[in-house]
Amino acid sequence: MPAKSMPAKSAPTKSESSMSKSNTSKSSKPKPRAKPVRAKPVRAKPVRAMAPIRLPLIPQERFTPEQQALVAAISSGPRGQFKMSGPFYCYLHAPGFGELAQKLGGHP
């Protein structure tokens, strides 16, 4: 029996190759973006009683010479007065640091 010859395959035409590529490629349509998450509004917390003072109170009669110099420097500076509150009160417990902070705060 003679061998049957198979017909030769022809190369795909230009239109056939472009059609097959367009069917397999991903869609050019952009993906939808997720909606942004909105933050919840911040609500004020109820006011609580102030925490106890951590540093002991130093009576003015017991000020050391360094503490007295710090009070005088703060009073004569741009603030004009010394209050026993805020950072000034803390500076009394470390007068060396308080002097440096006063010089920095009083610098024009």
N, C-alpha and C. Protein backbone atom coordinates (compact mmCIF):
# COMPACT_ATOMS: atom_id res chain seq x y z
N MET A 1 0.83 -1.17 0.00
CA MET A 1 0.00 0.00 0.00
C MET A 1 0.87 1.22 0.00
N PRO A 2 0.45 2.11 -0.86
CA PRO A 2 1.23 3.33 -0.92
C PRO A 2 0.96 4.20 0.31
N ALA A 3 1.97 4.92 0.75
CA ALA A 3 1.83 5.81 1.91
C ALA A 3 1.01 7.01 1.51
N LYS A 4 0.09 7.31 2.40
CA LYS A 4 -0.75 8.47 2.13
C LYS A 4 -0.01 9.72 2.56
N SER A 5 -0.02 10.65 1.72
CA SER A 5 0.63 11.90 2.08
C SER A 5 -0.40 12.83 2.69
N MET A 6 0.06 13.54 3.69
CA MET A 6 -0.85 14.46 4.37
C MET A 6 -0.70 15.82 3.72
N PRO A 7 -1.81 16.52 3.62
CA PRO A 7 -1.70 17.85 3.01
C PRO A 7 -0.89 18.77 3.91
N ALA A 8 -0.09 19.58 3.32
CA ALA A 8 0.74 20.53 4.07
C ALA A 8 -0.12 21.63 4.64
N LYS A 9 0.22 22.03 5.89
CA LYS A 9 -0.53 23.11 6.52
C LYS A 9 0.01 24.42 5.99
N SER A 10 -0.90 25.31 5.73
CA SER A 10 -0.47 26.62 5.25
C SER A 10 -0.31 27.55 6.44
N ALA A 11 0.53 28.53 6.29
CA ALA A 11 0.75 29.51 7.36
C ALA A 11 -0.50 30.34 7.55
N PRO A 12 -0.83 30.71 8.81
CA PRO A 12 -2.05 31.50 9.02
C PRO A 12 -1.90 32.87 8.37
N THR A 13 -3.00 33.34 7.88
CA THR A 13 -3.00 34.66 7.26
C THR A 13 -2.95 35.72 8.34
N LYS A 14 -2.72 36.94 7.92
CA LYS A 14 -2.58 38.04 8.87
C LYS A 14 -3.87 38.26 9.66
N SER A 15 -5.00 38.17 9.02
CA SER A 15 -6.27 38.40 9.71
C SER A 15 -6.57 37.30 10.70
N GLU A 16 -6.19 36.04 10.36
CA GLU A 16 -6.43 34.94 11.28
C GLU A 16 -5.57 35.06 12.54
N SER A 17 -4.29 35.46 12.37
CA SER A 17 -3.42 35.56 13.53
C SER A 17 -3.83 36.71 14.44
N SER A 18 -4.30 37.84 13.90
CA SER A 18 -4.72 38.95 14.75
C SER A 18 -6.00 38.63 15.49
N MET A 19 -6.87 37.82 14.87
CA MET A 19 -8.12 37.45 15.54
C MET A 19 -7.84 36.54 16.72
N SER A 20 -6.92 35.62 16.55
CA SER A 20 -6.65 34.69 17.64
C SER A 20 -5.97 35.40 18.80
N LYS A 21 -5.12 36.42 18.53
CA LYS A 21 -4.46 37.16 19.59
C LYS A 21 -5.44 38.02 20.35
N SER A 22 -6.38 38.64 19.68
CA SER A 22 -7.31 39.53 20.35
C SER A 22 -8.24 38.77 21.28
N ASN A 23 -8.53 37.53 20.95
CA ASN A 23 -9.41 36.74 21.81
C ASN A 23 -8.70 36.28 23.07
N THR A 24 -7.37 36.12 23.01
CA THR A 24 -6.64 35.62 24.17
C THR A 24 -6.07 36.72 25.05
N SER A 25 -5.95 37.95 24.52
CA SER A 25 -5.36 39.03 25.32
C SER A 25 -6.35 39.53 26.36
N LYS A 26 -5.80 40.15 27.42
CA LYS A 26 -6.65 40.67 28.49
C LYS A 26 -7.41 41.88 27.99
N SER A 27 -8.49 42.14 28.62
CA SER A 27 -9.32 43.29 28.26
C SER A 27 -8.58 44.58 28.59
N SER A 28 -8.70 45.56 27.75
CA SER A 28 -8.04 46.84 28.00
C SER A 28 -8.88 47.73 28.91
N LYS A 29 -10.03 47.26 29.34
CA LYS A 29 -10.90 48.03 30.22
C LYS A 29 -10.29 48.08 31.61
N PRO A 30 -10.14 49.28 32.21
CA PRO A 30 -9.51 49.36 33.53
C PRO A 30 -10.38 48.73 34.60
N LYS A 31 -9.69 48.18 35.60
CA LYS A 31 -10.42 47.56 36.71
C LYS A 31 -11.04 48.65 37.57
N PRO A 32 -12.22 48.41 38.11
CA PRO A 32 -12.82 49.43 39.00
C PRO A 32 -12.04 49.52 40.29
N ARG A 33 -11.88 50.73 40.79
CA ARG A 33 -11.15 50.95 42.05
C ARG A 33 -12.08 50.74 43.23
N ALA A 34 -11.47 50.31 44.31
CA ALA A 34 -12.25 50.13 45.53
C ALA A 34 -12.61 51.50 46.11
N LYS A 35 -13.75 51.57 46.74
CA LYS A 35 -14.17 52.83 47.34
C LYS A 35 -13.29 53.14 48.54
N PRO A 36 -12.90 54.41 48.73
CA PRO A 36 -12.05 54.74 49.88
C PRO A 36 -12.81 54.54 51.18
N VAL A 37 -12.09 54.11 52.18
CA VAL A 37 -12.69 53.90 53.49
C VAL A 37 -12.67 55.23 54.22
N ARG A 38 -13.79 55.63 54.72
CA ARG A 38 -13.87 56.89 55.45
C ARG A 38 -13.60 56.66 56.91
N ALA A 39 -12.84 57.55 57.48
CA ALA A 39 -12.53 57.46 58.90
C ALA A 39 -13.74 57.86 59.73
N LYS A 40 -13.88 57.19 60.86
CA LYS A 40 -14.98 57.54 61.75
C LYS A 40 -14.65 58.84 62.46
N PRO A 41 -15.63 59.66 62.73
CA PRO A 41 -15.34 60.93 63.41
C PRO A 41 -14.82 60.68 64.82
N VAL A 42 -13.89 61.51 65.22
CA VAL A 42 -13.31 61.39 66.55
C VAL A 42 -14.20 62.13 67.53
N ARG A 43 -14.54 61.44 68.57
CA ARG A 43 -15.40 62.06 69.58
C ARG A 43 -14.56 62.36 70.81
N ALA A 44 -14.83 63.49 71.40
CA ALA A 44 -14.09 63.90 72.59
C ALA A 44 -14.43 62.97 73.75
N LYS A 45 -13.41 62.63 74.51
CA LYS A 45 -13.62 61.80 75.68
C LYS A 45 -14.08 62.68 76.83
N PRO A 46 -14.84 62.13 77.74
CA PRO A 46 -15.28 62.95 78.87
C PRO A 46 -14.09 63.38 79.71
N VAL A 47 -14.22 64.56 80.29
CA VAL A 47 -13.14 65.11 81.11
C VAL A 47 -13.07 64.33 82.42
N ARG A 48 -11.85 63.92 82.75
CA ARG A 48 -11.65 63.20 84.00
C ARG A 48 -10.93 64.11 84.99
N ALA A 49 -10.94 63.70 86.21
CA ALA A 49 -10.19 64.44 87.22
C ALA A 49 -8.71 64.35 86.87
N MET A 50 -7.98 65.40 87.15
CA MET A 50 -6.55 65.42 86.83
C MET A 50 -5.81 64.38 87.66
N ALA A 51 -4.79 63.84 87.04
CA ALA A 51 -3.97 62.85 87.72
C ALA A 51 -3.20 63.54 88.85
N PRO A 52 -2.85 62.80 89.86
CA PRO A 52 -2.09 63.41 90.95
C PRO A 52 -0.72 63.88 90.46
N ILE A 53 -0.19 64.90 91.09
CA ILE A 53 1.12 65.44 90.74
C ILE A 53 2.17 64.41 91.09
N ARG A 54 3.07 64.16 90.15
CA ARG A 54 4.10 63.14 90.36
C ARG A 54 5.29 63.66 91.14
N LEU A 55 5.59 64.93 91.00
CA LEU A 55 6.74 65.51 91.70
C LEU A 55 6.26 66.18 92.98
N PRO A 56 7.00 66.03 94.04
CA PRO A 56 6.57 66.64 95.30
C PRO A 56 6.67 68.17 95.24
N LEU A 57 5.78 68.81 95.94
CA LEU A 57 5.76 70.27 96.01
C LEU A 57 6.96 70.75 96.82
N ILE A 58 7.62 71.79 96.33
CA ILE A 58 8.75 72.37 97.05
C ILE A 58 8.31 73.74 97.56
N PRO A 59 8.21 73.92 98.87
CA PRO A 59 7.83 75.23 99.38
C PRO A 59 8.93 76.26 99.07
N GLN A 60 8.52 77.51 98.85
CA GLN A 60 9.48 78.56 98.49
C GLN A 60 10.50 78.79 99.60
N GLU A 61 10.13 78.55 100.82
CA GLU A 61 11.06 78.75 101.93
C GLU A 61 12.22 77.75 101.88
N ARG A 62 12.02 76.62 101.20
CA ARG A 62 13.05 75.58 101.16
C ARG A 62 13.82 75.56 99.84
N PHE A 63 13.68 76.59 99.00
CA PHE A 63 14.43 76.65 97.74
C PHE A 63 15.92 76.72 98.01
N THR A 64 16.69 76.00 97.24
CA THR A 64 18.15 76.07 97.31
C THR A 64 18.60 77.34 96.58
N PRO A 65 19.84 77.74 96.72
CA PRO A 65 20.32 78.92 95.98
C PRO A 65 20.18 78.75 94.45
N GLU A 66 20.37 77.53 93.94
CA GLU A 66 20.21 77.30 92.50
C GLU A 66 18.76 77.48 92.08
N GLN A 67 17.83 76.99 92.89
CA GLN A 67 16.41 77.14 92.59
C GLN A 67 16.00 78.61 92.66
N GLN A 68 16.51 79.35 93.63
CA GLN A 68 16.20 80.77 93.74
C GLN A 68 16.73 81.54 92.54
N ALA A 69 17.92 81.17 92.06
CA ALA A 69 18.49 81.82 90.87
C ALA A 69 17.64 81.52 89.64
N LEU A 70 17.13 80.30 89.55
CA LEU A 70 16.27 79.94 88.41
C LEU A 70 14.97 80.74 88.44
N VAL A 71 14.36 80.87 89.60
CA VAL A 71 13.12 81.65 89.72
C VAL A 71 13.39 83.10 89.34
N ALA A 72 14.51 83.65 89.78
CA ALA A 72 14.86 85.04 89.45
C ALA A 72 15.10 85.19 87.95
N ALA A 73 15.76 84.22 87.32
CA ALA A 73 16.02 84.30 85.88
C ALA A 73 14.72 84.22 85.07
N ILE A 74 13.82 83.35 85.47
CA ILE A 74 12.54 83.22 84.74
C ILE A 74 11.71 84.49 84.94
N SER A 75 11.69 85.03 86.16
CA SER A 75 10.91 86.24 86.45
C SER A 75 11.45 87.45 85.72
N SER A 76 12.76 87.53 85.54
CA SER A 76 13.34 88.71 84.87
C SER A 76 13.39 88.54 83.35
N GLY A 77 13.04 87.38 82.85
CA GLY A 77 13.08 87.12 81.41
C GLY A 77 11.83 87.62 80.71
N PRO A 78 11.61 87.19 79.48
CA PRO A 78 10.46 87.66 78.70
C PRO A 78 9.11 87.22 79.27
N ARG A 79 9.10 86.21 80.10
CA ARG A 79 7.84 85.76 80.69
C ARG A 79 7.37 86.70 81.78
N GLY A 80 8.29 87.31 82.48
CA GLY A 80 7.95 88.32 83.49
C GLY A 80 7.52 87.79 84.82
N GLN A 81 7.21 86.51 84.92
CA GLN A 81 6.79 85.96 86.20
C GLN A 81 7.09 84.47 86.25
N PHE A 82 7.12 83.95 87.44
CA PHE A 82 7.35 82.52 87.64
C PHE A 82 6.07 81.93 88.20
N LYS A 83 5.56 80.87 87.55
CA LYS A 83 4.37 80.18 88.03
C LYS A 83 4.76 78.78 88.47
N MET A 84 4.14 78.33 89.52
CA MET A 84 4.40 76.98 90.01
C MET A 84 3.54 75.98 89.23
N SER A 85 3.67 76.00 87.90
CA SER A 85 2.91 75.07 87.06
C SER A 85 3.70 74.82 85.78
N GLY A 86 3.26 73.82 85.06
CA GLY A 86 3.88 73.51 83.78
C GLY A 86 5.34 73.11 83.91
N PRO A 87 6.13 73.42 82.90
CA PRO A 87 7.53 72.99 82.93
C PRO A 87 8.35 73.72 83.99
N PHE A 88 7.93 74.92 84.35
CA PHE A 88 8.72 75.68 85.34
C PHE A 88 8.75 74.96 86.68
N TYR A 89 7.65 74.34 87.03
CA TYR A 89 7.60 73.59 88.27
C TYR A 89 8.58 72.41 88.21
N CYS A 90 8.65 71.75 87.07
CA CYS A 90 9.58 70.63 86.89
C CYS A 90 11.02 71.11 86.93
N TYR A 91 11.26 72.30 86.39
CA TYR A 91 12.62 72.83 86.36
C TYR A 91 13.18 73.03 87.77
N LEU A 92 12.31 73.26 88.75
CA LEU A 92 12.79 73.43 90.12
C LEU A 92 13.47 72.16 90.64
N HIS A 93 13.06 71.01 90.12
CA HIS A 93 13.64 69.75 90.55
C HIS A 93 14.96 69.46 89.84
N ALA A 94 15.24 70.19 88.79
CA ALA A 94 16.52 70.08 88.06
C ALA A 94 16.92 71.49 87.64
N PRO A 95 17.38 72.32 88.58
CA PRO A 95 17.64 73.72 88.27
C PRO A 95 18.71 73.93 87.20
N GLY A 96 19.67 73.03 87.07
CA GLY A 96 20.68 73.16 86.02
C GLY A 96 20.04 73.08 84.64
N PHE A 97 19.14 72.14 84.48
CA PHE A 97 18.42 72.02 83.22
C PHE A 97 17.48 73.21 83.03
N GLY A 98 16.86 73.65 84.11
CA GLY A 98 15.96 74.80 84.02
C GLY A 98 16.66 76.06 83.56
N GLU A 99 17.89 76.25 84.00
CA GLU A 99 18.67 77.42 83.55
C GLU A 99 18.90 77.36 82.04
N LEU A 100 19.27 76.19 81.55
CA LEU A 100 19.49 76.02 80.11
C LEU A 100 18.20 76.24 79.32
N ALA A 101 17.11 75.70 79.82
CA ALA A 101 15.82 75.87 79.14
C ALA A 101 15.40 77.33 79.16
N GLN A 102 15.64 78.03 80.26
CA GLN A 102 15.30 79.45 80.35
C GLN A 102 16.12 80.26 79.34
N LYS A 103 17.40 79.96 79.20
CA LYS A 103 18.24 80.67 78.24
C LYS A 103 17.77 80.43 76.81
N LEU A 104 17.38 79.20 76.53
CA LEU A 104 16.87 78.87 75.20
C LEU A 104 15.54 79.58 74.94
N GLY A 105 14.64 79.55 75.91
CA GLY A 105 13.34 80.20 75.73
C GLY A 105 13.44 81.71 75.70
N GLY A 106 14.43 82.29 76.37
CA GLY A 106 14.58 83.73 76.40
C GLY A 106 15.42 84.29 75.25
N HIS A 107 15.97 83.39 74.42
CA HIS A 107 16.81 83.86 73.31
C HIS A 107 15.95 84.55 72.24
N PRO A 108 16.35 85.76 71.82
CA PRO A 108 15.53 86.48 70.83
C PRO A 108 15.60 85.90 69.46
